[in-house]
């Protein structure tokens, strides 16, 4: 069989393209869980209120990655009489482990000696829902998340 020069050129160009490595795993992106309610309150949800001061959760997300780390973000608004209202974004990275329907978070780096560290949250996963609890006894109401699925 004889190949024309044009066919030969096309074959030479096609072979390297066909032989490049295809990824064997999906990209490390996983849709995050997005906060829906705090203690059954829709967002924004008041965490703490006293005369002249309020702490409100504006938003929060939890992303679980395949490498066993979790990214936790939270936007909180603080109102204190006599001072300007502030909104602060918090970002934490934890290790996580899922056993059955329970998810446990732990610090990537342990709490330093003599430091007052707040325990990471723990929770339950059920289908597209994640419920996080903070402390035992809880110092916050449960946070209910829903897995955001892009269209």
N, C-alpha and C. Protein backbone atom coordinates (compact mmCIF):
# COMPACT_ATOMS: atom_id res chain seq x y z
N UNK A 1 0.85 -1.16 0.00
CA UNK A 1 0.00 0.00 0.00
C UNK A 1 0.89 1.22 0.00
N UNK A 2 0.56 2.17 -0.84
CA UNK A 2 1.36 3.37 -0.97
C UNK A 2 0.58 4.55 -0.39
N UNK A 3 1.20 5.37 0.46
CA UNK A 3 0.56 6.55 1.03
C UNK A 3 1.05 7.79 0.30
N UNK A 4 0.14 8.67 -0.01
CA UNK A 4 0.55 9.92 -0.62
C UNK A 4 1.23 10.78 0.43
N UNK A 5 1.97 11.78 0.01
CA UNK A 5 2.68 12.67 0.93
C UNK A 5 1.71 13.37 1.88
N UNK A 6 0.56 13.77 1.35
CA UNK A 6 -0.43 14.48 2.17
C UNK A 6 -0.95 13.55 3.27
N UNK A 7 -1.29 12.29 2.91
CA UNK A 7 -1.78 11.33 3.91
C UNK A 7 -0.69 11.02 4.92
N UNK A 8 0.53 10.92 4.46
CA UNK A 8 1.65 10.63 5.35
C UNK A 8 1.84 11.76 6.36
N UNK A 9 1.73 13.01 5.91
CA UNK A 9 1.87 14.16 6.81
C UNK A 9 0.76 14.16 7.86
N UNK A 10 -0.46 13.87 7.41
CA UNK A 10 -1.57 13.83 8.34
C UNK A 10 -1.36 12.75 9.39
N UNK A 11 -0.85 11.61 9.02
CA UNK A 11 -0.59 10.52 9.94
C UNK A 11 0.50 10.90 10.94
N UNK A 12 1.54 11.54 10.46
CA UNK A 12 2.65 11.95 11.33
C UNK A 12 2.15 12.96 12.37
N UNK A 13 1.25 13.85 11.97
CA UNK A 13 0.72 14.83 12.91
C UNK A 13 -0.30 14.21 13.86
N UNK A 14 -1.06 13.23 13.42
CA UNK A 14 -2.13 12.65 14.23
C UNK A 14 -1.60 11.72 15.32
N UNK A 15 -0.52 11.01 15.04
CA UNK A 15 -0.02 10.03 16.01
C UNK A 15 0.35 10.68 17.34
N UNK A 16 1.16 11.77 17.35
CA UNK A 16 1.47 12.38 18.65
C UNK A 16 0.23 12.90 19.37
N UNK A 17 -0.76 13.41 18.65
CA UNK A 17 -1.96 13.90 19.30
C UNK A 17 -2.75 12.75 19.92
N UNK A 18 -2.78 11.62 19.25
CA UNK A 18 -3.54 10.48 19.75
C UNK A 18 -2.85 9.81 20.92
N UNK A 19 -1.56 10.00 21.07
CA UNK A 19 -0.80 9.27 22.08
C UNK A 19 -0.56 10.07 23.36
N UNK A 20 -1.04 11.30 23.45
CA UNK A 20 -0.78 12.03 24.70
C UNK A 20 -1.63 11.42 25.81
N UNK A 21 -1.14 11.58 27.05
CA UNK A 21 -1.82 10.96 28.18
C UNK A 21 -3.15 11.63 28.47
N UNK A 22 -4.16 10.84 28.65
CA UNK A 22 -5.47 11.33 29.04
C UNK A 22 -5.55 11.29 30.57
N UNK A 23 -6.17 12.29 31.19
CA UNK A 23 -6.30 12.23 32.65
C UNK A 23 -7.15 11.03 33.04
N UNK A 24 -6.74 10.36 34.12
CA UNK A 24 -7.48 9.18 34.57
C UNK A 24 -8.44 9.51 35.71
N UNK A 25 -8.30 10.70 36.27
CA UNK A 25 -9.22 11.09 37.34
C UNK A 25 -9.83 12.44 36.98
N UNK A 26 -11.01 12.71 37.51
CA UNK A 26 -11.62 14.01 37.23
C UNK A 26 -10.81 15.12 37.89
N UNK A 27 -10.99 16.36 37.46
CA UNK A 27 -10.27 17.45 38.09
C UNK A 27 -10.61 17.52 39.58
N UNK A 28 -9.73 18.12 40.41
CA UNK A 28 -9.94 18.10 41.86
C UNK A 28 -11.09 18.98 42.34
N UNK A 29 -11.84 19.59 41.42
CA UNK A 29 -12.95 20.44 41.81
C UNK A 29 -14.14 19.59 42.25
N UNK A 30 -14.72 19.94 43.34
CA UNK A 30 -15.92 19.28 43.82
C UNK A 30 -16.92 20.36 44.17
N UNK A 31 -18.17 20.27 43.72
CA UNK A 31 -19.13 21.33 44.05
C UNK A 31 -19.23 21.51 45.56
N UNK A 32 -19.25 22.75 46.02
CA UNK A 32 -19.30 22.98 47.47
C UNK A 32 -20.70 22.78 48.04
N UNK A 33 -20.73 22.62 49.34
CA UNK A 33 -21.98 22.67 50.09
C UNK A 33 -22.19 24.14 50.46
N UNK A 34 -23.39 24.65 50.21
CA UNK A 34 -23.71 26.06 50.45
C UNK A 34 -24.71 26.14 51.60
N UNK A 35 -24.43 27.02 52.55
CA UNK A 35 -25.30 27.17 53.71
C UNK A 35 -26.69 27.64 53.30
N UNK A 36 -27.70 26.95 53.81
CA UNK A 36 -29.10 27.29 53.54
C UNK A 36 -29.79 27.89 54.76
N UNK A 37 -29.60 27.24 55.92
CA UNK A 37 -30.25 27.71 57.14
C UNK A 37 -29.32 27.53 58.33
N UNK A 38 -29.56 28.32 59.36
CA UNK A 38 -28.85 28.21 60.64
C UNK A 38 -29.93 28.02 61.70
N UNK A 39 -29.95 26.84 62.30
CA UNK A 39 -31.00 26.56 63.29
C UNK A 39 -32.38 26.78 62.72
N UNK A 40 -32.60 26.40 61.49
CA UNK A 40 -33.86 26.55 60.75
C UNK A 40 -34.21 28.00 60.38
N UNK A 41 -33.31 28.95 60.60
CA UNK A 41 -33.50 30.33 60.14
C UNK A 41 -32.90 30.48 58.75
N UNK A 42 -33.62 31.08 57.80
CA UNK A 42 -33.00 31.34 56.50
C UNK A 42 -31.92 32.42 56.64
N UNK A 43 -31.06 32.50 55.65
CA UNK A 43 -30.00 33.51 55.67
C UNK A 43 -30.52 34.88 55.26
N UNK A 44 -29.96 35.95 55.76
CA UNK A 44 -28.97 36.02 56.83
C UNK A 44 -29.61 35.59 58.16
N UNK A 45 -28.84 34.87 58.97
CA UNK A 45 -29.36 34.29 60.21
C UNK A 45 -28.61 34.87 61.40
N UNK A 46 -29.35 35.30 62.39
CA UNK A 46 -28.75 35.87 63.60
C UNK A 46 -28.21 34.75 64.49
N UNK A 47 -26.93 34.85 64.82
CA UNK A 47 -26.30 33.89 65.74
C UNK A 47 -26.41 34.37 67.19
N UNK A 48 -26.28 35.68 67.35
CA UNK A 48 -26.27 36.24 68.70
C UNK A 48 -26.90 37.62 68.64
N UNK A 49 -27.76 37.91 69.61
CA UNK A 49 -28.36 39.23 69.69
C UNK A 49 -28.50 39.62 71.16
N UNK A 50 -28.12 40.85 71.44
CA UNK A 50 -28.25 41.45 72.77
C UNK A 50 -28.52 42.93 72.52
N UNK A 51 -28.96 43.66 73.52
CA UNK A 51 -29.19 45.08 73.29
C UNK A 51 -27.95 45.77 72.72
N UNK A 52 -28.10 46.33 71.52
CA UNK A 52 -27.01 47.07 70.89
C UNK A 52 -25.99 46.25 70.14
N UNK A 53 -26.13 44.93 70.12
CA UNK A 53 -25.17 44.12 69.36
C UNK A 53 -25.82 42.89 68.74
N UNK A 54 -25.33 42.58 67.53
CA UNK A 54 -25.86 41.43 66.78
C UNK A 54 -24.72 40.80 65.98
N UNK A 55 -24.72 39.48 65.94
CA UNK A 55 -23.79 38.73 65.09
C UNK A 55 -24.65 37.92 64.13
N UNK A 56 -24.42 38.12 62.82
CA UNK A 56 -25.27 37.51 61.80
C UNK A 56 -24.42 36.75 60.79
N UNK A 57 -24.84 35.53 60.46
CA UNK A 57 -24.20 34.75 59.40
C UNK A 57 -24.81 35.18 58.08
N UNK A 58 -23.96 35.64 57.16
CA UNK A 58 -24.41 36.06 55.84
C UNK A 58 -24.34 34.89 54.86
N UNK A 59 -23.23 34.14 54.91
CA UNK A 59 -23.06 33.00 54.00
C UNK A 59 -21.97 32.08 54.54
N UNK A 60 -21.93 30.87 53.99
CA UNK A 60 -20.89 29.91 54.34
C UNK A 60 -20.87 28.81 53.29
N UNK A 61 -19.68 28.27 53.04
CA UNK A 61 -19.55 27.11 52.15
C UNK A 61 -18.59 26.11 52.76
N UNK A 62 -18.75 24.86 52.36
CA UNK A 62 -17.83 23.79 52.74
C UNK A 62 -17.52 23.02 51.46
N UNK A 63 -16.23 22.91 51.14
CA UNK A 63 -15.79 22.13 49.98
C UNK A 63 -14.92 20.99 50.46
N UNK A 64 -15.28 19.78 50.08
CA UNK A 64 -14.53 18.58 50.44
C UNK A 64 -13.74 18.13 49.23
N UNK A 65 -12.42 18.03 49.36
CA UNK A 65 -11.63 17.61 48.21
C UNK A 65 -11.15 16.17 48.39
N UNK A 66 -10.76 15.57 47.27
CA UNK A 66 -10.37 14.17 47.25
C UNK A 66 -9.12 13.88 48.07
N UNK A 67 -8.32 14.91 48.36
CA UNK A 67 -7.08 14.69 49.13
C UNK A 67 -7.33 14.67 50.63
N UNK A 68 -8.60 14.73 51.06
CA UNK A 68 -8.92 14.67 52.48
C UNK A 68 -8.89 16.01 53.20
N UNK A 69 -8.84 17.10 52.44
CA UNK A 69 -8.90 18.42 53.07
C UNK A 69 -10.26 19.06 52.77
N UNK A 70 -10.65 19.92 53.68
CA UNK A 70 -11.93 20.63 53.54
C UNK A 70 -11.66 22.12 53.66
N UNK A 71 -12.26 22.90 52.76
CA UNK A 71 -12.18 24.36 52.84
C UNK A 71 -13.50 24.86 53.39
N UNK A 72 -13.43 25.60 54.48
CA UNK A 72 -14.62 26.14 55.15
C UNK A 72 -14.54 27.65 55.07
N UNK A 73 -15.57 28.30 54.54
CA UNK A 73 -15.62 29.76 54.49
C UNK A 73 -16.89 30.23 55.17
N UNK A 74 -16.81 31.44 55.71
CA UNK A 74 -17.94 31.98 56.43
C UNK A 74 -17.86 33.51 56.36
N UNK A 75 -18.99 34.15 56.10
CA UNK A 75 -19.07 35.61 56.11
C UNK A 75 -20.00 35.99 57.26
N UNK A 76 -19.47 36.79 58.20
CA UNK A 76 -20.20 37.18 59.40
C UNK A 76 -20.28 38.71 59.47
N UNK A 77 -21.45 39.21 59.85
CA UNK A 77 -21.62 40.66 60.06
C UNK A 77 -21.78 40.91 61.55
N UNK A 78 -21.01 41.89 62.04
CA UNK A 78 -21.05 42.27 63.44
C UNK A 78 -21.61 43.70 63.57
N UNK A 79 -22.60 43.86 64.42
CA UNK A 79 -23.16 45.18 64.71
C UNK A 79 -22.97 45.40 66.21
N UNK A 80 -22.30 46.47 66.55
CA UNK A 80 -22.07 46.83 67.94
C UNK A 80 -22.35 48.32 68.06
N UNK A 81 -23.24 48.69 68.97
CA UNK A 81 -23.64 50.10 69.06
C UNK A 81 -22.42 50.98 69.30
N UNK A 82 -22.41 52.11 68.62
CA UNK A 82 -21.32 53.06 68.78
C UNK A 82 -20.12 52.79 67.88
N UNK A 83 -20.15 51.70 67.11
CA UNK A 83 -19.06 51.39 66.17
C UNK A 83 -19.66 51.09 64.80
N UNK A 84 -18.85 51.25 63.75
CA UNK A 84 -19.38 50.90 62.41
C UNK A 84 -19.63 49.40 62.30
N UNK A 85 -20.65 49.06 61.52
CA UNK A 85 -20.93 47.65 61.22
C UNK A 85 -19.75 47.08 60.43
N UNK A 86 -19.33 45.87 60.78
CA UNK A 86 -18.23 45.23 60.04
C UNK A 86 -18.70 43.88 59.51
N UNK A 87 -18.16 43.52 58.37
CA UNK A 87 -18.40 42.20 57.79
C UNK A 87 -17.04 41.56 57.62
N UNK A 88 -16.89 40.33 58.13
CA UNK A 88 -15.61 39.65 58.12
C UNK A 88 -15.75 38.29 57.45
N UNK A 89 -14.78 37.96 56.59
CA UNK A 89 -14.73 36.64 55.96
C UNK A 89 -13.73 35.78 56.70
N UNK A 90 -14.15 34.59 57.07
CA UNK A 90 -13.28 33.62 57.73
C UNK A 90 -13.05 32.46 56.78
N UNK A 91 -11.81 31.97 56.74
CA UNK A 91 -11.48 30.81 55.91
C UNK A 91 -10.63 29.86 56.76
N UNK A 92 -11.05 28.60 56.76
CA UNK A 92 -10.34 27.57 57.51
C UNK A 92 -10.12 26.38 56.59
N UNK A 93 -9.00 25.72 56.76
CA UNK A 93 -8.75 24.47 56.05
C UNK A 93 -8.58 23.39 57.11
N UNK A 94 -9.35 22.33 56.95
CA UNK A 94 -9.33 21.21 57.88
C UNK A 94 -8.98 19.93 57.13
N UNK A 95 -8.65 18.91 57.89
CA UNK A 95 -8.68 17.54 57.38
C UNK A 95 -10.09 17.04 57.68
N UNK A 96 -10.55 16.10 56.87
CA UNK A 96 -11.86 15.52 57.18
C UNK A 96 -11.82 14.03 56.93
N UNK A 97 -12.73 13.34 57.61
CA UNK A 97 -12.90 11.90 57.44
C UNK A 97 -14.39 11.61 57.48
N UNK A 98 -14.84 10.80 56.52
CA UNK A 98 -16.24 10.40 56.48
C UNK A 98 -16.32 8.92 56.84
N UNK A 99 -17.13 8.63 57.86
CA UNK A 99 -17.38 7.25 58.28
C UNK A 99 -18.88 7.08 58.32
N UNK A 100 -19.40 6.26 57.40
CA UNK A 100 -20.85 6.11 57.28
C UNK A 100 -21.45 7.44 56.84
N UNK A 101 -22.37 7.97 57.65
CA UNK A 101 -22.96 9.27 57.31
C UNK A 101 -22.37 10.40 58.15
N UNK A 102 -21.35 10.10 58.96
CA UNK A 102 -20.73 11.12 59.81
C UNK A 102 -19.48 11.68 59.16
N UNK A 103 -19.27 12.97 59.34
CA UNK A 103 -18.05 13.62 58.86
C UNK A 103 -17.40 14.30 60.06
N UNK A 104 -16.10 14.03 60.23
CA UNK A 104 -15.35 14.63 61.33
C UNK A 104 -14.24 15.50 60.75
N UNK A 105 -14.10 16.70 61.29
CA UNK A 105 -13.07 17.63 60.86
C UNK A 105 -12.00 17.70 61.94
N UNK A 106 -10.76 17.90 61.52
CA UNK A 106 -9.67 18.10 62.47
C UNK A 106 -8.72 19.15 61.90
N UNK A 107 -7.94 19.76 62.78
CA UNK A 107 -7.01 20.79 62.34
C UNK A 107 -5.89 20.18 61.52
N UNK A 108 -5.44 20.90 60.49
CA UNK A 108 -4.27 20.46 59.72
C UNK A 108 -3.03 20.50 60.60
N UNK A 109 -2.94 21.54 61.41
CA UNK A 109 -1.86 21.69 62.39
C UNK A 109 -2.53 21.75 63.74
N UNK A 110 -2.02 20.98 64.70
CA UNK A 110 -2.66 20.92 66.01
C UNK A 110 -2.69 22.26 66.72
N UNK A 111 -3.52 22.35 67.72
CA UNK A 111 -3.65 23.54 68.53
C UNK A 111 -2.38 23.69 69.37
N UNK A 112 -1.76 24.87 69.36
CA UNK A 112 -0.53 25.06 70.15
C UNK A 112 -0.79 24.87 71.64
N UNK A 113 0.25 24.49 72.40
CA UNK A 113 0.09 24.34 73.85
C UNK A 113 -0.38 25.65 74.48
N UNK A 114 -1.24 25.54 75.46
CA UNK A 114 -1.78 26.67 76.23
C UNK A 114 -2.63 27.63 75.39
N UNK A 115 -3.00 27.28 74.17
CA UNK A 115 -3.86 28.12 73.35
C UNK A 115 -5.32 27.73 73.59
N UNK A 116 -6.20 28.68 73.39
CA UNK A 116 -7.64 28.41 73.49
C UNK A 116 -8.18 28.22 72.08
N UNK A 117 -8.21 26.99 71.61
CA UNK A 117 -8.67 26.68 70.26
C UNK A 117 -10.09 26.14 70.32
N UNK A 118 -10.90 26.62 69.42
CA UNK A 118 -12.28 26.12 69.31
C UNK A 118 -12.24 24.83 68.51
N UNK A 119 -12.93 23.82 69.00
CA UNK A 119 -12.95 22.53 68.31
C UNK A 119 -13.56 22.68 66.92
N UNK A 120 -13.01 21.98 65.92
CA UNK A 120 -13.60 22.00 64.58
C UNK A 120 -15.02 21.41 64.61
N UNK A 121 -15.82 21.75 63.60
CA UNK A 121 -17.19 21.20 63.57
C UNK A 121 -17.19 19.71 63.25
N UNK A 122 -18.32 19.12 63.44
CA UNK A 122 -18.57 17.74 63.04
C UNK A 122 -19.96 17.69 62.46
N UNK A 123 -20.28 16.61 61.78
CA UNK A 123 -21.62 16.61 61.20
C UNK A 123 -22.05 15.32 60.57
N UNK A 124 -23.12 15.45 59.81
CA UNK A 124 -23.74 14.33 59.11
C UNK A 124 -23.96 14.71 57.65
N UNK A 125 -23.75 13.73 56.77
CA UNK A 125 -24.03 13.90 55.35
C UNK A 125 -25.16 12.95 54.99
N UNK A 126 -26.17 13.49 54.31
CA UNK A 126 -27.29 12.68 53.85
C UNK A 126 -27.64 13.14 52.45
N UNK A 127 -27.23 12.36 51.45
CA UNK A 127 -27.48 12.74 50.06
C UNK A 127 -26.76 14.04 49.75
N UNK A 128 -27.51 15.05 49.35
CA UNK A 128 -26.93 16.35 49.01
C UNK A 128 -26.91 17.30 50.21
N UNK A 129 -27.26 16.82 51.39
CA UNK A 129 -27.35 17.66 52.58
C UNK A 129 -26.19 17.39 53.54
N UNK A 130 -25.69 18.46 54.14
CA UNK A 130 -24.65 18.38 55.16
C UNK A 130 -25.12 19.23 56.33
N UNK A 131 -25.11 18.66 57.53
CA UNK A 131 -25.46 19.41 58.74
C UNK A 131 -24.23 19.43 59.63
N UNK A 132 -23.80 20.63 60.02
CA UNK A 132 -22.65 20.78 60.90
C UNK A 132 -23.07 21.24 62.28
N UNK A 133 -22.42 20.65 63.28
CA UNK A 133 -22.61 21.05 64.67
C UNK A 133 -21.28 21.61 65.17
N UNK A 134 -21.37 22.56 66.09
CA UNK A 134 -20.19 23.23 66.60
C UNK A 134 -20.12 23.04 68.11
N UNK A 135 -19.24 22.16 68.56
CA UNK A 135 -19.03 21.93 69.98
C UNK A 135 -20.01 20.94 70.58
N UNK A 136 -19.66 20.53 71.80
CA UNK A 136 -20.50 19.61 72.54
C UNK A 136 -20.47 20.04 74.01
N UNK A 137 -21.45 20.70 74.55
CA UNK A 137 -22.70 21.08 73.90
C UNK A 137 -22.46 22.15 72.83
N UNK A 138 -23.35 22.21 71.86
CA UNK A 138 -23.14 23.15 70.76
C UNK A 138 -23.17 24.60 71.22
N UNK A 139 -22.23 25.38 70.74
CA UNK A 139 -22.20 26.82 71.04
C UNK A 139 -22.81 27.62 69.90
N UNK A 140 -23.26 26.94 68.86
CA UNK A 140 -23.98 27.54 67.74
C UNK A 140 -25.11 26.58 67.37
N UNK A 141 -26.18 27.10 66.77
CA UNK A 141 -27.20 26.17 66.27
C UNK A 141 -26.65 25.40 65.07
N UNK A 142 -27.29 24.30 64.70
CA UNK A 142 -26.80 23.53 63.54
C UNK A 142 -26.85 24.35 62.25
N UNK A 143 -25.83 24.18 61.42
CA UNK A 143 -25.78 24.81 60.10
C UNK A 143 -26.18 23.75 59.08
N UNK A 144 -27.21 24.03 58.29
CA UNK A 144 -27.68 23.08 57.27
C UNK A 144 -27.23 23.58 55.89
N UNK A 145 -26.48 22.72 55.21
CA UNK A 145 -25.94 23.03 53.88
C UNK A 145 -26.61 22.15 52.84
N UNK A 146 -26.57 22.63 51.61
CA UNK A 146 -27.06 21.87 50.47
C UNK A 146 -25.97 21.88 49.42
N UNK A 147 -25.70 20.74 48.80
CA UNK A 147 -24.64 20.66 47.79
C UNK A 147 -25.07 21.41 46.55
N UNK A 148 -24.27 22.40 46.18
CA UNK A 148 -24.55 23.20 44.99
C UNK A 148 -24.14 22.39 43.78
N UNK A 149 -25.07 22.18 42.87
CA UNK A 149 -24.80 21.43 41.64
C UNK A 149 -24.94 22.38 40.47
N UNK A 150 -23.82 22.64 39.76
CA UNK A 150 -23.91 23.57 38.63
C UNK A 150 -24.82 23.02 37.53
N UNK A 151 -25.44 23.94 36.79
CA UNK A 151 -26.33 23.54 35.70
C UNK A 151 -25.55 22.95 34.55
